[in-house]
Amino acid sequence: MSREESPILFTGNAHPTFAAAVASCLGVPLGDALVGRFSEGEIRVKVNQNVRGRDVFVIQPTCPPVNDHLMELLILLDALKRASARRITAVLPYYGYARQDRKDQPRVPITAKLVANLITKAGADRVLTMDLHAGQIQGFFDIPVDHLFAVNTFIEYFTTQQVISDLVVVSPDVGGIKMARAYAKRLKSALAMVDKRRINHEETEVLDIMGEVDGKNALIVDDLVSTAGSLVEAVRVLKESGAREVTAAVTHPVLSGPARERLASSTLKALVVTDSIPIPPDRMIPKIKVLSVAPLFGEAIRRIHQEESLNVLFHEHWEIKI
């Protein structure tokens, strides 16, 4: 990809390591922009290169601290829009506030929709994201949304690096059954589901396991792990139901609150995640394995820039063409 025809990639402070990896996959340098703070704490942004008429991508997962990283994204978008970029794509490996996607109680907001409005109003012409907590969030935007999936990255790992026999793929709840079915189909395995009840916004109670797990190796698949309460409870019940080893494949490792301690003390064999969110060193434990989705995003950005279809990225096998 020649320098004259290449897209320009910018990033804030959310996950510069990931942004650099995507840029490396594309063979382009990261764009020159200052993203810092004024003395009173307000976010300071200055784009230090000409972007007039260029195709620009802002790589910024809205991960914790969510509000800081969201504001960085919005201000970057505004700066690039005012600098006359031809097209601006907000690249969100992780979409924060995604769990507030509906009114499930009286007098609560639909924050996922509010964030979509803010991103659009700030200047984004399209959005590139991965494994949204709720698929309907795509419809919250009035601009094009390209929704990637980490399933092939996980499948490649489990089929080439791991040997799992007598496998059953487990969905942690009813909402995740579609994702679990996709994994089960590719791994040619059985399918099971956890029947759980939410006690509050941090705790859940597992009531039953729907499906046969006795004597099998279980693979729990989910889009994110936050406090790990649901995951650890599911692992406990699976083991009590006769499962041999339990592994989890979770796209976004939020790992907030007591997640580290819960995972460390659980009988979970391994937690395999992607690098959509940076994991602070103090939250890493030996059983966490991180897979990179930078090549996936690099290829998606290349295809968007060159006006090519992204359909091939949803196939079981694809080759990067950068």
C-alpha atoms as a PDB file:
ATOM      1  CA  MET A   1       0.000   0.000   0.000  1.00  0.00           C
ATOM      2  CA  SER A   2       1.687   3.232  -1.142  1.00  0.00           C
ATOM      3  CA  ARG A   3       2.023   6.182   1.244  1.00  0.00           C
ATOM      4  CA  GLU A   4      -0.016   8.432  -1.101  1.00  0.00           C
ATOM      5  CA  GLU A   5      -2.949   6.024  -1.209  1.00  0.00           C
ATOM      6  CA  SER A   6      -2.794   4.834   2.376  1.00  0.00           C
ATOM      7  CA  PRO A   7      -5.317   5.668   5.086  1.00  0.00           C
ATOM      8  CA  ILE A   8      -4.245   7.753   8.068  1.00  0.00           C
ATOM      9  CA  LEU A   9      -4.615   6.123  11.481  1.00  0.00           C
ATOM     10  CA  PHE A  10      -4.928   8.073  14.718  1.00  0.00           C
ATOM     11  CA  THR A  11      -5.325   6.899  18.294  1.00  0.00           C
ATOM     12  CA  GLY A  12      -5.970   8.321  21.732  1.00  0.00           C
ATOM     13  CA  ASN A  13      -4.720   6.904  25.018  1.00  0.00           C
ATOM     14  CA  ALA A  14      -7.166   3.982  25.286  1.00  0.00           C
ATOM     15  CA  HIS A  15      -5.031   1.322  23.591  1.00  0.00           C
ATOM     16  CA  PRO A  16      -2.032   2.746  21.677  1.00  0.00           C
ATOM     17  CA  THR A  17      -0.334  -0.665  21.588  1.00  0.00           C
ATOM     18  CA  PHE A  18      -3.248  -2.121  19.641  1.00  0.00           C
ATOM     19  CA  ALA A  19      -3.361   0.881  17.304  1.00  0.00           C
ATOM     20  CA  ALA A  20       0.360   0.484  16.613  1.00  0.00           C
ATOM     21  CA  ALA A  21      -0.173  -3.219  15.851  1.00  0.00           C
ATOM     22  CA  VAL A  22      -2.942  -2.396  13.362  1.00  0.00           C
ATOM     23  CA  ALA A  23      -0.743   0.252  11.737  1.00  0.00           C
ATOM     24  CA  SER A  24       2.076  -2.287  11.497  1.00  0.00           C
ATOM     25  CA  CYS A  25      -0.259  -4.753   9.769  1.00  0.00           C
ATOM     26  CA  LEU A  26      -1.113  -2.049   7.233  1.00  0.00           C
ATOM     27  CA  GLY A  27       2.489  -0.951   6.829  1.00  0.00           C
ATOM     28  CA  VAL A  28       1.721   2.678   7.692  1.00  0.00           C
ATOM     29  CA  PRO A  29       2.820   4.891  10.600  1.00  0.00           C
ATOM     30  CA  LEU A  30       0.352   6.149  13.157  1.00  0.00           C
ATOM     31  CA  GLY A  31      -0.838   9.687  12.512  1.00  0.00           C
ATOM     32  CA  ASP A  32       0.706  12.567  14.423  1.00  0.00           C
ATOM     33  CA  ALA A  33      -1.721  13.928  17.001  1.00  0.00           C
ATOM     34  CA  LEU A  34      -1.435  15.245  20.520  1.00  0.00           C
ATOM     35  CA  VAL A  35      -3.976  13.747  22.943  1.00  0.00           C
ATOM     36  CA  GLY A  36      -3.286  14.961  26.467  1.00  0.00           C
ATOM     37  CA  ARG A  37      -4.696  17.103  29.270  1.00  0.00           C
ATOM     38  CA  PHE A  38      -4.798  20.765  30.127  1.00  0.00           C
ATOM     39  CA  SER A  39      -3.789  21.731  33.666  1.00  0.00           C
ATOM     40  CA  GLU A  40      -7.396  21.659  34.912  1.00  0.00           C
ATOM     41  CA  GLY A  41      -7.913  18.150  33.526  1.00  0.00           C
ATOM     42  CA  GLU A  42      -9.787  18.940  30.306  1.00  0.00           C
ATOM     43  CA  ILE A  43      -8.779  16.842  27.306  1.00  0.00           C
ATOM     44  CA  ARG A  44      -6.416  18.538  24.890  1.00  0.00           C
ATOM     45  CA  VAL A  45      -6.270  17.402  21.252  1.00  0.00           C
ATOM     46  CA  LYS A  46      -4.253  18.773  18.335  1.00  0.00           C
ATOM     47  CA  VAL A  47      -3.822  17.064  14.957  1.00  0.00           C
ATOM     48  CA  ASN A  48      -0.269  17.817  13.851  1.00  0.00           C
ATOM     49  CA  GLN A  49      -0.506  16.801  10.192  1.00  0.00           C
ATOM     50  CA  ASN A  50      -2.571  17.663   7.161  1.00  0.00           C
ATOM     51  CA  VAL A  51      -5.642  15.416   6.783  1.00  0.00           C
ATOM     52  CA  ARG A  52      -7.599  17.487   4.263  1.00  0.00           C
ATOM     53  CA  GLY A  53      -9.335  15.190   1.802  1.00  0.00           C
ATOM     54  CA  ARG A  54      -7.871  12.043   3.381  1.00  0.00           C
ATOM     55  CA  ASP A  55      -9.467   8.792   4.562  1.00  0.00           C
ATOM     56  CA  VAL A  56      -8.959   8.775   8.344  1.00  0.00           C
ATOM     57  CA  PHE A  57      -9.459   6.040  10.965  1.00  0.00           C
ATOM     58  CA  VAL A  58      -9.521   6.727  14.715  1.00  0.00           C
ATOM     59  CA  ILE A  59      -8.680   3.583  16.712  1.00  0.00           C
ATOM     60  CA  GLN A  60     -10.046   4.014  20.229  1.00  0.00           C
ATOM     61  CA  PRO A  61     -11.831   1.332  22.274  1.00  0.00           C
ATOM     62  CA  THR A  62     -14.060   2.975  24.865  1.00  0.00           C
ATOM     63  CA  CYS A  63     -12.711   0.800  27.663  1.00  0.00           C
ATOM     64  CA  PRO A  64     -12.154   1.802  31.306  1.00  0.00           C
ATOM     65  CA  PRO A  65     -11.845   4.576  32.230  1.00  0.00           C
ATOM     66  CA  VAL A  66     -14.742   4.719  29.792  1.00  0.00           C
ATOM     67  CA  ASN A  67     -15.664   8.380  30.106  1.00  0.00           C
ATOM     68  CA  ASP A  68     -12.094   9.604  29.541  1.00  0.00           C
ATOM     69  CA  HIS A  69     -11.603   7.441  26.483  1.00  0.00           C
ATOM     70  CA  LEU A  70     -15.023   8.288  25.073  1.00  0.00           C
ATOM     71  CA  MET A  71     -14.326  12.012  25.382  1.00  0.00           C
ATOM     72  CA  GLU A  72     -10.929  11.569  23.726  1.00  0.00           C
ATOM     73  CA  LEU A  73     -12.659   9.821  20.834  1.00  0.00           C
ATOM     74  CA  LEU A  74     -15.325  12.502  20.453  1.00  0.00           C
ATOM     75  CA  ILE A  75     -12.813  15.360  20.550  1.00  0.00           C
ATOM     76  CA  LEU A  76     -10.525  13.603  18.058  1.00  0.00           C
ATOM     77  CA  LEU A  77     -13.476  13.114  15.701  1.00  0.00           C
ATOM     78  CA  ASP A  78     -14.408  16.774  16.017  1.00  0.00           C
ATOM     79  CA  ALA A  79     -10.830  17.913  15.366  1.00  0.00           C
ATOM     80  CA  LEU A  80     -10.538  15.744  12.253  1.00  0.00           C
ATOM     81  CA  LYS A  81     -13.909  16.867  10.948  1.00  0.00           C
ATOM     82  CA  ARG A  82     -12.915  20.525  11.349  1.00  0.00           C
ATOM     83  CA  ALA A  83      -9.612  19.723   9.615  1.00  0.00           C
ATOM     84  CA  SER A  84     -11.602  18.684   6.516  1.00  0.00           C
ATOM     85  CA  ALA A  85     -10.853  14.953   6.485  1.00  0.00           C
ATOM     86  CA  ARG A  86     -12.721  13.362   3.573  1.00  0.00           C
ATOM     87  CA  ARG A  87     -14.068  10.415   5.582  1.00  0.00           C
ATOM     88  CA  ILE A  88     -13.677   9.577   9.264  1.00  0.00           C
ATOM     89  CA  THR A  89     -14.161   6.040  10.581  1.00  0.00           C
ATOM     90  CA  ALA A  90     -14.411   5.454  14.327  1.00  0.00           C
ATOM     91  CA  VAL A  91     -12.700   2.123  15.012  1.00  0.00           C
ATOM     92  CA  LEU A  92     -14.045   0.761  18.295  1.00  0.00           C
ATOM     93  CA  PRO A  93     -12.636  -2.704  19.060  1.00  0.00           C
ATOM     94  CA  TYR A  94     -14.739  -2.462  22.229  1.00  0.00           C
ATOM     95  CA  TYR A  95     -17.947  -0.405  22.479  1.00  0.00           C
ATOM     96  CA  GLY A  96     -18.470   0.883  26.018  1.00  0.00           C
ATOM     97  CA  TYR A  97     -21.946   1.410  27.510  1.00  0.00           C
ATOM     98  CA  ALA A  98     -23.174  -1.427  25.276  1.00  0.00           C
ATOM     99  CA  ARG A  99     -24.956  -3.191  28.145  1.00  0.00           C
ATOM    100  CA  GLN A 100     -27.303  -0.234  28.562  1.00  0.00           C
ATOM    101  CA  ASP A 101     -29.067  -1.030  25.280  1.00  0.00           C
ATOM    102  CA  ARG A 102     -32.743  -1.009  26.370  1.00  0.00           C
ATOM    103  CA  LYS A 103     -35.122   0.203  29.083  1.00  0.00           C
ATOM    104  CA  ASP A 104     -35.317  -2.799  31.394  1.00  0.00           C
ATOM    105  CA  GLN A 105     -36.445  -0.694  34.373  1.00  0.00           C
ATOM    106  CA  PRO A 106     -38.539   2.463  34.784  1.00  0.00           C
ATOM    107  CA  ARG A 107     -36.764   5.784  34.294  1.00  0.00           C
ATOM    108  CA  VAL A 108     -33.424   4.470  33.051  1.00  0.00           C
ATOM    109  CA  PRO A 109     -31.570   5.706  29.950  1.00  0.00           C
ATOM    110  CA  ILE A 110     -30.604   3.845  26.791  1.00  0.00           C
ATOM    111  CA  THR A 111     -27.001   4.946  27.009  1.00  0.00           C
ATOM    112  CA  ALA A 112     -25.785   2.808  24.106  1.00  0.00           C
ATOM    113  CA  LYS A 113     -28.047   4.878  21.834  1.00  0.00           C
ATOM    114  CA  LEU A 114     -26.860   8.152  23.401  1.00  0.00           C
ATOM    115  CA  VAL A 115     -23.230   7.203  22.758  1.00  0.00           C
ATOM    116  CA  ALA A 116     -24.088   6.324  19.148  1.00  0.00           C
ATOM    117  CA  ASN A 117     -25.643   9.772  18.720  1.00  0.00           C
ATOM    118  CA  LEU A 118     -22.571  11.452  20.229  1.00  0.00           C
ATOM    119  CA  ILE A 119     -20.154   9.580  17.941  1.00  0.00           C
ATOM    120  CA  THR A 120     -22.207  10.461  14.868  1.00  0.00           C
ATOM    121  CA  LYS A 121     -22.635  14.108  15.863  1.00  0.00           C
ATOM    122  CA  ALA A 122     -18.918  14.457  16.632  1.00  0.00           C
ATOM    123  CA  GLY A 123     -18.077  13.701  13.015  1.00  0.00           C
ATOM    124  CA  ALA A 124     -17.812   9.962  12.363  1.00  0.00           C
ATOM    125  CA  ASP A 125     -18.927   8.895   8.888  1.00  0.00           C
ATOM    126  CA  ARG A 126     -18.878   5.182   9.716  1.00  0.00           C
ATOM    127  CA  VAL A 127     -18.056   2.829  12.591  1.00  0.00           C
ATOM    128  CA  LEU A 128     -15.964  -0.333  12.704  1.00  0.00           C
ATOM    129  CA  THR A 129     -16.447  -2.465  15.816  1.00  0.00           C
ATOM    130  CA  MET A 130     -16.367  -6.070  17.041  1.00  0.00           C
ATOM    131  CA  ASP A 131     -18.635  -8.389  19.025  1.00  0.00           C
ATOM    132  CA  LEU A 132     -21.179  -5.882  20.244  1.00  0.00           C
ATOM    133  CA  HIS A 133     -22.925  -6.920  23.446  1.00  0.00           C
ATOM    134  CA  ALA A 134     -26.244  -6.552  21.618  1.00  0.00           C
ATOM    135  CA  GLY A 135     -26.509  -6.759  17.838  1.00  0.00           C
ATOM    136  CA  GLN A 136     -29.298  -4.190  17.700  1.00  0.00           C
ATOM    137  CA  ILE A 137     -26.798  -1.468  18.650  1.00  0.00           C
ATOM    138  CA  GLN A 138     -25.874  -1.376  14.949  1.00  0.00           C
ATOM    139  CA  GLY A 139     -29.325   0.108  14.386  1.00  0.00           C
ATOM    140  CA  PHE A 140     -28.670   2.885  16.908  1.00  0.00           C
ATOM    141  CA  PHE A 141     -26.392   4.546  14.345  1.00  0.00           C
ATOM    142  CA  ASP A 142     -27.575   6.543  11.334  1.00  0.00           C
ATOM    143  CA  ILE A 143     -24.240   5.882   9.626  1.00  0.00           C
ATOM    144  CA  PRO A 144     -22.788   2.599   8.283  1.00  0.00           C
ATOM    145  CA  VAL A 145     -21.566   0.140  10.921  1.00  0.00           C
ATOM    146  CA  ASP A 146     -19.205  -2.730  10.105  1.00  0.00           C
ATOM    147  CA  HIS A 147     -19.551  -5.366  12.811  1.00  0.00           C
ATOM    148  CA  LEU A 148     -16.655  -7.834  13.026  1.00  0.00           C
ATOM    149  CA  PHE A 149     -16.574 -11.084  14.999  1.00  0.00           C
ATOM    150  CA  ALA A 150     -13.677 -12.647  16.896  1.00  0.00           C
ATOM    151  CA  VAL A 151     -14.970 -16.196  16.360  1.00  0.00           C
ATOM    152  CA  ASN A 152     -12.472 -17.117  13.623  1.00  0.00           C
ATOM    153  CA  THR A 153      -9.537 -15.869  15.718  1.00  0.00           C
ATOM    154  CA  PHE A 154     -10.634 -18.106  18.583  1.00  0.00           C
ATOM    155  CA  ILE A 155     -11.397 -21.071  16.331  1.00  0.00           C
ATOM    156  CA  GLU A 156      -7.951 -20.872  14.734  1.00  0.00           C
ATOM    157  CA  TYR A 157      -6.370 -20.907  18.181  1.00  0.00           C
ATOM    158  CA  PHE A 158      -8.381 -23.824  19.523  1.00  0.00           C
ATOM    159  CA  THR A 159      -7.953 -25.927  16.392  1.00  0.00           C
ATOM    160  CA  THR A 160      -4.221 -25.315  15.888  1.00  0.00           C
ATOM    161  CA  GLN A 161      -2.876 -24.720  19.401  1.00  0.00           C
ATOM    162  CA  GLN A 162      -5.223 -26.752  21.532  1.00  0.00           C
ATOM    163  CA  VAL A 163      -6.571 -30.272  21.278  1.00  0.00           C
ATOM    164  CA  ILE A 164     -10.031 -30.430  22.830  1.00  0.00           C
ATOM    165  CA  SER A 165     -11.840 -33.740  22.711  1.00  0.00           C
ATOM    166  CA  ASP A 166     -15.366 -34.508  23.904  1.00  0.00           C
ATOM    167  CA  LEU A 167     -16.124 -30.808  23.599  1.00  0.00           C
ATOM    168  CA  VAL A 168     -19.337 -29.005  24.479  1.00  0.00           C
ATOM    169  CA  VAL A 169     -19.695 -25.280  23.766  1.00  0.00           C
ATOM    170  CA  VAL A 170     -21.600 -23.481  26.524  1.00  0.00           C
ATOM    171  CA  SER A 171     -23.552 -20.244  26.263  1.00  0.00           C
ATOM    172  CA  PRO A 172     -23.583 -18.329  29.572  1.00  0.00           C
ATOM    173  CA  ASP A 173     -27.179 -17.157  29.002  1.00  0.00           C
ATOM    174  CA  VAL A 174     -30.059 -17.131  26.531  1.00  0.00           C
ATOM    175  CA  GLY A 175     -28.762 -13.986  24.825  1.00  0.00           C
ATOM    176  CA  GLY A 176     -25.469 -15.641  23.905  1.00  0.00           C
ATOM    177  CA  ILE A 177     -26.918 -18.766  22.306  1.00  0.00           C
ATOM    178  CA  LYS A 178     -26.441 -17.451  18.752  1.00  0.00           C
ATOM    179  CA  MET A 179     -22.735 -16.842  19.376  1.00  0.00           C
ATOM    180  CA  ALA A 180     -22.339 -20.239  21.034  1.00  0.00           C
ATOM    181  CA  ARG A 181     -24.053 -21.943  18.112  1.00  0.00           C
ATOM    182  CA  ALA A 182     -21.539 -20.354  15.712  1.00  0.00           C
ATOM    183  CA  TYR A 183     -18.651 -21.770  17.766  1.00  0.00           C
ATOM    184  CA  ALA A 184     -20.290 -25.187  18.089  1.00  0.00           C
ATOM    185  CA  LYS A 185     -20.858 -25.361  14.340  1.00  0.00           C
ATOM    186  CA  ARG A 186     -17.225 -24.587  13.515  1.00  0.00           C
ATOM    187  CA  LEU A 187     -15.851 -26.872  16.220  1.00  0.00           C
ATOM    188  CA  LYS A 188     -18.352 -29.617  15.349  1.00  0.00           C
ATOM    189  CA  SER A 189     -19.269 -29.929  19.006  1.00  0.00           C
ATOM    190  CA  ALA A 190     -22.326 -30.262  21.224  1.00  0.00           C
ATOM    191  CA  LEU A 191     -24.097 -27.195  22.605  1.00  0.00           C
ATOM    192  CA  ALA A 192     -25.314 -26.362  26.112  1.00  0.00           C
ATOM    193  CA  MET A 193     -26.646 -23.280  27.911  1.00  0.00           C
ATOM    194  CA  VAL A 194     -26.519 -21.883  31.425  1.00  0.00           C
ATOM    195  CA  ASP A 195     -29.895 -20.922  32.885  1.00  0.00           C
ATOM    196  CA  LYS A 196     -29.193 -18.057  35.263  1.00  0.00           C
ATOM    197  CA  ARG A 197     -30.993 -15.333  37.176  1.00  0.00           C
ATOM    198  CA  ARG A 198     -29.500 -11.894  37.752  1.00  0.00           C
ATOM    199  CA  ILE A 199     -29.550 -10.858  41.418  1.00  0.00           C
ATOM    200  CA  ASN A 200     -28.174  -7.353  40.813  1.00  0.00           C
ATOM    201  CA  HIS A 201     -25.917  -5.562  38.309  1.00  0.00           C
ATOM    202  CA  GLU A 202     -22.850  -7.441  39.617  1.00  0.00           C
ATOM    203  CA  GLU A 203     -24.131 -10.854  40.754  1.00  0.00           C
ATOM    204  CA  THR A 204     -25.999 -13.716  39.122  1.00  0.00           C
ATOM    205  CA  GLU A 205     -27.262 -17.080  40.289  1.00  0.00           C
ATOM    206  CA  VAL A 206     -26.971 -20.132  38.054  1.00  0.00           C
ATOM    207  CA  LEU A 207     -30.119 -22.236  38.269  1.00  0.00           C
ATOM    208  CA  ASP A 208     -29.480 -25.075  35.824  1.00  0.00           C
ATOM    209  CA  ILE A 209     -27.434 -26.351  32.894  1.00  0.00           C
ATOM    210  CA  MET A 210     -29.468 -27.080  29.771  1.00  0.00           C
ATOM    211  CA  GLY A 211     -27.648 -29.730  27.761  1.00  0.00           C
ATOM    212  CA  GLU A 212     -25.337 -32.674  28.411  1.00  0.00           C
ATOM    213  CA  VAL A 213     -21.975 -31.741  29.967  1.00  0.00           C
ATOM    214  CA  ASP A 214     -21.187 -34.801  32.090  1.00  0.00           C
ATOM    215  CA  GLY A 215     -17.777 -36.221  31.152  1.00  0.00           C
ATOM    216  CA  LYS A 216     -17.166 -33.488  28.563  1.00  0.00           C
ATOM    217  CA  ASN A 217     -14.704 -30.615  28.252  1.00  0.00           C
ATOM    218  CA  ALA A 218     -16.662 -27.367  28.331  1.00  0.00           C
ATOM    219  CA  LEU A 219     -15.863 -24.195  26.393  1.00  0.00           C
ATOM    220  CA  ILE A 220     -17.792 -21.152  27.627  1.00  0.00           C
ATOM    221  CA  VAL A 221     -18.043 -18.412  24.975  1.00  0.00           C
ATOM    222  CA  ASP A 222     -19.123 -14.834  25.648  1.00  0.00           C
ATOM    223  CA  ASP A 223     -18.607 -11.292  24.378  1.00  0.00           C
ATOM    224  CA  LEU A 224     -17.197  -9.804  27.592  1.00  0.00           C
ATOM    225  CA  VAL A 225     -16.122 -10.597  31.136  1.00  0.00           C
ATOM    226  CA  SER A 226     -16.468  -7.810  33.674  1.00  0.00           C
ATOM    227  CA  THR A 227     -16.438  -8.788  37.359  1.00  0.00           C
ATOM    228  CA  ALA A 228     -16.290 -12.492  36.375  1.00  0.00           C
ATOM    229  CA  GLY A 229     -19.096 -13.348  38.786  1.00  0.00           C
ATOM    230  CA  SER A 230     -21.275 -15.007  36.137  1.00  0.00           C
ATOM    231  CA  LEU A 231     -18.306 -16.802  34.570  1.00  0.00           C
ATOM    232  CA  VAL A 232     -16.987 -18.239  37.824  1.00  0.00           C
ATOM    233  CA  GLU A 233     -20.475 -19.309  38.910  1.00  0.00           C
ATOM    234  CA  ALA A 234     -21.003 -21.041  35.547  1.00  0.00           C
ATOM    235  CA  VAL A 235     -17.665 -22.835  35.928  1.00  0.00           C
ATOM    236  CA  ARG A 236     -18.664 -24.067  39.392  1.00  0.00           C
ATOM    237  CA  VAL A 237     -22.010 -25.442  38.236  1.00  0.00           C
ATOM    238  CA  LEU A 238     -20.477 -27.046  35.133  1.00  0.00           C
ATOM    239  CA  LYS A 239     -17.932 -28.857  37.283  1.00  0.00           C
ATOM    240  CA  GLU A 240     -20.660 -29.954  39.697  1.00  0.00           C
ATOM    241  CA  SER A 241     -22.617 -31.257  36.679  1.00  0.00           C
ATOM    242  CA  GLY A 242     -19.733 -33.519  35.687  1.00  0.00           C
ATOM    243  CA  ALA A 243     -17.727 -31.414  33.228  1.00  0.00           C
ATOM    244  CA  ARG A 244     -14.042 -32.355  33.185  1.00  0.00           C
ATOM    245  CA  GLU A 245     -12.133 -29.190  32.241  1.00  0.00           C
ATOM    246  CA  VAL A 246     -13.718 -25.779  31.673  1.00  0.00           C
ATOM    247  CA  THR A 247     -12.150 -23.178  29.381  1.00  0.00           C
ATOM    248  CA  ALA A 248     -13.589 -19.789  28.439  1.00  0.00           C
ATOM    249  CA  ALA A 249     -13.246 -17.774  25.216  1.00  0.00           C
ATOM    250  CA  VAL A 250     -14.320 -14.187  25.848  1.00  0.00           C
ATOM    251  CA  THR A 251     -13.757 -11.343  23.392  1.00  0.00           C
ATOM    252  CA  HIS A 252     -13.477  -8.297  25.665  1.00  0.00           C
ATOM    253  CA  PRO A 253     -11.519  -8.662  28.964  1.00  0.00           C
ATOM    254  CA  VAL A 254     -12.951  -5.775  30.994  1.00  0.00           C
ATOM    255  CA  LEU A 255     -11.865  -7.523  34.231  1.00  0.00           C
ATOM    256  CA  SER A 256     -13.182  -4.968  36.705  1.00  0.00           C
ATOM    257  CA  GLY A 257     -13.590  -5.106  40.475  1.00  0.00           C
ATOM    258  CA  PRO A 258     -12.905  -8.558  41.971  1.00  0.00           C
ATOM    259  CA  ALA A 259     -12.426 -10.273  38.587  1.00  0.00           C
ATOM    260  CA  ARG A 260      -8.759 -11.129  39.083  1.00  0.00           C
ATOM    261  CA  GLU A 261      -9.261 -12.736  42.482  1.00  0.00           C
ATOM    262  CA  ARG A 262     -12.350 -14.628  41.337  1.00  0.00           C
ATOM    263  CA  LEU A 263     -10.611 -16.034  38.268  1.00  0.00           C
ATOM    264  CA  ALA A 264      -7.447 -16.929  40.164  1.00  0.00           C
ATOM    265  CA  SER A 265      -9.357 -18.919  42.784  1.00  0.00           C
ATOM    266  CA  SER A 266     -11.745 -20.633  40.361  1.00  0.00           C
ATOM    267  CA  THR A 267     -11.309 -24.035  38.723  1.00  0.00           C
ATOM    268  CA  LEU A 268     -11.367 -22.435  35.267  1.00  0.00           C
ATOM    269  CA  LYS A 269      -8.522 -23.969  33.268  1.00  0.00           C
ATOM    270  CA  ALA A 270      -7.903 -20.994  30.968  1.00  0.00           C
ATOM    271  CA  LEU A 271      -9.464 -17.707  29.933  1.00  0.00           C
ATOM    272  CA  VAL A 272      -8.702 -16.900  26.295  1.00  0.00           C
ATOM    273  CA  VAL A 273      -9.391 -13.280  25.321  1.00  0.00           C
ATOM    274  CA  THR A 274      -8.527 -10.790  22.565  1.00  0.00           C
ATOM    275  CA  ASP A 275      -6.474  -7.606  22.754  1.00  0.00           C
ATOM    276  CA  SER A 276      -9.512  -5.397  22.066  1.00  0.00           C
ATOM    277  CA  ILE A 277      -8.936  -3.989  25.572  1.00  0.00           C
ATOM    278  CA  PRO A 278      -5.565  -3.566  27.302  1.00  0.00           C
ATOM    279  CA  ILE A 279      -5.183  -5.680  30.437  1.00  0.00           C
ATOM    280  CA  PRO A 280      -3.248  -3.878  33.198  1.00  0.00           C
ATOM    281  CA  PRO A 281      -0.303  -5.955  34.496  1.00  0.00           C
ATOM    282  CA  ASP A 282      -1.844  -6.128  37.971  1.00  0.00           C
ATOM    283  CA  ARG A 283      -4.895  -7.907  36.543  1.00  0.00           C
ATOM    284  CA  MET A 284      -3.029 -10.504  34.515  1.00  0.00           C
ATOM    285  CA  ILE A 285      -2.840 -14.054  35.831  1.00  0.00           C
ATOM    286  CA  PRO A 286      -1.172 -17.100  34.239  1.00  0.00           C
ATOM    287  CA  LYS A 287      -4.470 -18.645  33.115  1.00  0.00           C
ATOM    288  CA  ILE A 288      -5.260 -15.643  30.844  1.00  0.00           C
ATOM    289  CA  LYS A 289      -4.188 -16.028  27.199  1.00  0.00           C
ATOM    290  CA  VAL A 290      -4.447 -13.003  24.870  1.00  0.00           C
ATOM    291  CA  LEU A 291      -5.007 -13.374  21.113  1.00  0.00           C
ATOM    292  CA  SER A 292      -4.482 -10.448  18.760  1.00  0.00           C
ATOM    293  CA  VAL A 293      -7.261  -9.225  16.473  1.00  0.00           C
ATOM    294  CA  ALA A 294      -5.016  -6.499  15.000  1.00  0.00           C
ATOM    295  CA  PRO A 295      -4.689  -8.410  11.675  1.00  0.00           C
ATOM    296  CA  LEU A 296      -8.491  -8.672  11.482  1.00  0.00           C
ATOM    297  CA  PHE A 297      -8.926  -4.936  12.006  1.00  0.00           C
ATOM    298  CA  GLY A 298      -6.031  -4.165   9.679  1.00  0.00           C
ATOM    299  CA  GLU A 299      -7.647  -6.125   6.868  1.00  0.00           C
ATOM    300  CA  ALA A 300     -11.040  -4.547   7.586  1.00  0.00           C
ATOM    301  CA  ILE A 301      -9.535  -1.054   7.425  1.00  0.00           C
ATOM    302  CA  ARG A 302      -7.756  -1.887   4.172  1.00  0.00           C
ATOM    303  CA  ARG A 303     -10.998  -3.128   2.643  1.00  0.00           C
ATOM    304  CA  ILE A 304     -12.993  -0.108   3.817  1.00  0.00           C
ATOM    305  CA  HIS A 305     -10.318   2.236   2.466  1.00  0.00           C
ATOM    306  CA  GLN A 306     -10.248   0.494  -0.904  1.00  0.00           C
ATOM    307  CA  GLU A 307     -14.054   0.180  -1.050  1.00  0.00           C
ATOM    308  CA  GLU A 308     -13.961  -3.627  -0.965  1.00  0.00           C
ATOM    309  CA  SER A 309     -16.489  -5.947   0.641  1.00  0.00           C
ATOM    310  CA  LEU A 310     -15.866  -7.137   4.208  1.00  0.00           C
ATOM    311  CA  ASN A 311     -17.886 -10.304   3.624  1.00  0.00           C
ATOM    312  CA  VAL A 312     -14.777 -12.472   3.259  1.00  0.00           C
ATOM    313  CA  LEU A 313     -13.797 -11.681   6.874  1.00  0.00           C
ATOM    314  CA  PHE A 314     -16.802 -13.638   8.098  1.00  0.00           C
ATOM    315  CA  HIS A 315     -15.670 -16.830   6.341  1.00  0.00           C
ATOM    316  CA  GLU A 316     -13.848 -19.545   8.207  1.00  0.00           C
ATOM    317  CA  HIS A 317     -10.589 -18.892   6.329  1.00  0.00           C
ATOM    318  CA  TRP A 318      -9.323 -15.583   5.012  1.00  0.00           C
ATOM    319  CA  GLU A 319      -5.897 -14.247   4.175  1.00  0.00           C
ATOM    320  CA  ILE A 320      -4.716 -10.747   4.849  1.00  0.00           C
ATOM    321  CA  LYS A 321      -3.865  -8.898   1.631  1.00  0.00           C
ATOM    322  CA  ILE A 322      -2.038  -5.897   3.016  1.00  0.00           C
END
